[in-house]
Amino acid sequence: MDYTDKVSLTRHQSWEAYISAQSSQTGRLILFTTKASEPHHSFSFATGDQLVFGQESAGVPDDVHEAADARLSIPMAAGTRSLNLAQSAAIASAEGLRQLNGWPTS
């Protein structure tokens, strides 16, 4: 990738390590799940929000659901199971950036 110098990536060894590292951070944990009733486009994103996505096949464990400050869905056509993880992350990120005026100006 030719843009890796523009991102800061931190990999945590476990969910517990992630939660521990976040204890000093501000911002909400926003979980995207097919089990949510609130659609992503009706949610008000804020600077510092951290978007959480689960596995395409299994979602996230119960303790992750419990830790989330908000649970959002991405509306899908009736009868479909779930979206591809990359598509879901792109849709969610785009809506958050749109709301926070994070789009490039040129």
C-alpha atoms as a PDB file:
ATOM      1  CA  MET A   1       0.000   0.000   0.000  1.00  0.00           C
ATOM      2  CA  ASP A   2       1.317   3.404  -0.876  1.00  0.00           C
ATOM      3  CA  TYR A   3      -0.476   5.213   1.955  1.00  0.00           C
ATOM      4  CA  THR A   4       0.743   3.338   5.031  1.00  0.00           C
ATOM      5  CA  ASP A   5       2.797   6.337   6.085  1.00  0.00           C
ATOM      6  CA  LYS A   6      -0.516   8.194   6.550  1.00  0.00           C
ATOM      7  CA  VAL A   7      -2.005   5.756   9.071  1.00  0.00           C
ATOM      8  CA  SER A   8      -1.213   4.892  12.645  1.00  0.00           C
ATOM      9  CA  LEU A   9      -1.863   1.220  13.319  1.00  0.00           C
ATOM     10  CA  THR A  10      -1.855  -0.451  16.708  1.00  0.00           C
ATOM     11  CA  ARG A  11      -2.453  -4.167  17.047  1.00  0.00           C
ATOM     12  CA  HIS A  12      -3.612  -5.409  20.455  1.00  0.00           C
ATOM     13  CA  GLN A  13      -3.007  -8.960  21.614  1.00  0.00           C
ATOM     14  CA  SER A  14      -6.564  -9.399  22.903  1.00  0.00           C
ATOM     15  CA  TRP A  15      -9.883  -7.655  23.485  1.00  0.00           C
ATOM     16  CA  GLU A  16      -8.874  -7.191  27.131  1.00  0.00           C
ATOM     17  CA  ALA A  17      -5.617  -5.483  26.082  1.00  0.00           C
ATOM     18  CA  TYR A  18      -7.575  -3.203  23.765  1.00  0.00           C
ATOM     19  CA  ILE A  19     -10.070  -2.248  26.496  1.00  0.00           C
ATOM     20  CA  SER A  20      -7.218  -1.618  28.923  1.00  0.00           C
ATOM     21  CA  ALA A  21      -5.458   0.644  26.432  1.00  0.00           C
ATOM     22  CA  GLN A  22      -8.699   2.531  25.788  1.00  0.00           C
ATOM     23  CA  SER A  23      -9.338   3.302  29.457  1.00  0.00           C
ATOM     24  CA  SER A  24      -7.332   6.515  29.090  1.00  0.00           C
ATOM     25  CA  GLN A  25      -8.983   7.471  25.775  1.00  0.00           C
ATOM     26  CA  THR A  26     -12.112   9.472  25.194  1.00  0.00           C
ATOM     27  CA  GLY A  27     -14.619   8.382  22.635  1.00  0.00           C
ATOM     28  CA  ARG A  28     -17.299   5.777  22.305  1.00  0.00           C
ATOM     29  CA  LEU A  29     -17.152   2.185  21.125  1.00  0.00           C
ATOM     30  CA  ILE A  30     -19.590   1.901  18.228  1.00  0.00           C
ATOM     31  CA  LEU A  31     -20.407  -1.695  17.310  1.00  0.00           C
ATOM     32  CA  PHE A  32     -21.757  -2.535  13.869  1.00  0.00           C
ATOM     33  CA  THR A  33     -23.928  -5.621  14.085  1.00  0.00           C
ATOM     34  CA  THR A  34     -26.863  -7.251  12.335  1.00  0.00           C
ATOM     35  CA  LYS A  35     -28.425  -7.553  15.817  1.00  0.00           C
ATOM     36  CA  ALA A  36     -28.824  -3.779  16.207  1.00  0.00           C
ATOM     37  CA  SER A  37     -32.075  -1.931  15.656  1.00  0.00           C
ATOM     38  CA  GLU A  38     -30.629   1.566  15.055  1.00  0.00           C
ATOM     39  CA  PRO A  39     -29.452   2.215  11.480  1.00  0.00           C
ATOM     40  CA  HIS A  40     -26.042   3.835  11.061  1.00  0.00           C
ATOM     41  CA  HIS A  41     -27.412   6.804   9.110  1.00  0.00           C
ATOM     42  CA  SER A  42     -29.637   7.951  11.995  1.00  0.00           C
ATOM     43  CA  PHE A  43     -26.788   7.921  14.533  1.00  0.00           C
ATOM     44  CA  SER A  44     -24.809  11.066  15.380  1.00  0.00           C
ATOM     45  CA  PHE A  45     -21.112  10.266  15.108  1.00  0.00           C
ATOM     46  CA  ALA A  46     -18.590  12.242  17.148  1.00  0.00           C
ATOM     47  CA  THR A  47     -14.868  12.838  16.946  1.00  0.00           C
ATOM     48  CA  GLY A  48     -13.075  10.053  18.813  1.00  0.00           C
ATOM     49  CA  ASP A  49     -15.664   7.363  18.098  1.00  0.00           C
ATOM     50  CA  GLN A  50     -14.093   3.945  17.584  1.00  0.00           C
ATOM     51  CA  LEU A  51     -15.847   1.682  15.110  1.00  0.00           C
ATOM     52  CA  VAL A  52     -15.937  -2.019  15.955  1.00  0.00           C
ATOM     53  CA  PHE A  53     -16.773  -4.808  13.503  1.00  0.00           C
ATOM     54  CA  GLY A  54     -16.956  -8.550  14.039  1.00  0.00           C
ATOM     55  CA  GLN A  55     -16.203 -11.544  11.904  1.00  0.00           C
ATOM     56  CA  GLU A  56     -18.415 -11.970   8.860  1.00  0.00           C
ATOM     57  CA  SER A  57     -19.307 -15.504   9.902  1.00  0.00           C
ATOM     58  CA  ALA A  58     -19.794 -15.085  13.656  1.00  0.00           C
ATOM     59  CA  GLY A  59     -20.070 -11.418  14.630  1.00  0.00           C
ATOM     60  CA  VAL A  60     -18.582 -10.525  18.008  1.00  0.00           C
ATOM     61  CA  PRO A  61     -18.651 -12.250  21.404  1.00  0.00           C
ATOM     62  CA  ASP A  62     -21.169 -11.187  24.063  1.00  0.00           C
ATOM     63  CA  ASP A  63     -18.574  -9.270  26.097  1.00  0.00           C
ATOM     64  CA  VAL A  64     -17.872  -7.049  23.090  1.00  0.00           C
ATOM     65  CA  HIS A  65     -21.607  -6.390  22.677  1.00  0.00           C
ATOM     66  CA  GLU A  66     -21.791  -5.458  26.356  1.00  0.00           C
ATOM     67  CA  ALA A  67     -18.809  -3.086  26.130  1.00  0.00           C
ATOM     68  CA  ALA A  68     -20.258  -1.141  23.193  1.00  0.00           C
ATOM     69  CA  ASP A  69     -21.665   2.311  23.835  1.00  0.00           C
ATOM     70  CA  ALA A  70     -23.886   2.022  20.759  1.00  0.00           C
ATOM     71  CA  ARG A  71     -24.914  -0.781  18.421  1.00  0.00           C
ATOM     72  CA  LEU A  72     -25.696   0.116  14.824  1.00  0.00           C
ATOM     73  CA  SER A  73     -26.866  -1.749  11.769  1.00  0.00           C
ATOM     74  CA  ILE A  74     -26.353  -1.128   8.083  1.00  0.00           C
ATOM     75  CA  PRO A  75     -29.696  -1.625   6.334  1.00  0.00           C
ATOM     76  CA  MET A  76     -29.711  -4.521   3.881  1.00  0.00           C
ATOM     77  CA  ALA A  77     -32.157  -6.084   1.476  1.00  0.00           C
ATOM     78  CA  ALA A  78     -34.636  -8.494   3.027  1.00  0.00           C
ATOM     79  CA  GLY A  79     -33.384 -12.062   3.129  1.00  0.00           C
ATOM     80  CA  THR A  80     -29.679 -11.175   3.088  1.00  0.00           C
ATOM     81  CA  ARG A  81     -27.440 -12.370   5.910  1.00  0.00           C
ATOM     82  CA  SER A  82     -24.666  -9.789   6.142  1.00  0.00           C
ATOM     83  CA  LEU A  83     -22.354  -7.563   4.161  1.00  0.00           C
ATOM     84  CA  ASN A  84     -18.689  -8.194   3.476  1.00  0.00           C
ATOM     85  CA  LEU A  85     -16.561  -6.789   6.320  1.00  0.00           C
ATOM     86  CA  ALA A  86     -14.637  -4.415   4.046  1.00  0.00           C
ATOM     87  CA  GLN A  87     -17.890  -3.074   2.604  1.00  0.00           C
ATOM     88  CA  SER A  88     -19.333  -2.567   6.082  1.00  0.00           C
ATOM     89  CA  ALA A  89     -16.236  -0.715   7.287  1.00  0.00           C
ATOM     90  CA  ALA A  90     -16.280   1.498   4.196  1.00  0.00           C
ATOM     91  CA  ILE A  91     -19.980   2.338   4.581  1.00  0.00           C
ATOM     92  CA  ALA A  92     -19.603   3.111   8.291  1.00  0.00           C
ATOM     93  CA  SER A  93     -16.434   5.169   7.840  1.00  0.00           C
ATOM     94  CA  ALA A  94     -17.944   7.130   4.978  1.00  0.00           C
ATOM     95  CA  GLU A  95     -21.019   8.063   7.016  1.00  0.00           C
ATOM     96  CA  GLY A  96     -18.915   9.086  10.011  1.00  0.00           C
ATOM     97  CA  LEU A  97     -16.644  11.212   7.824  1.00  0.00           C
ATOM     98  CA  ARG A  98     -19.624  12.763   6.058  1.00  0.00           C
ATOM     99  CA  GLN A  99     -21.184  13.797   9.362  1.00  0.00           C
ATOM    100  CA  LEU A 100     -17.928  15.159  10.748  1.00  0.00           C
ATOM    101  CA  ASN A 101     -17.005  16.998   7.538  1.00  0.00           C
ATOM    102  CA  GLY A 102     -14.006  14.737   7.167  1.00  0.00           C
ATOM    103  CA  TRP A 103     -14.093  14.504   3.372  1.00  0.00           C
ATOM    104  CA  PRO A 104     -11.181  15.978   1.447  1.00  0.00           C
ATOM    105  CA  THR A 105     -12.080  19.367  -0.008  1.00  0.00           C
ATOM    106  CA  SER A 106     -10.457  18.789  -3.404  1.00  0.00           C
END
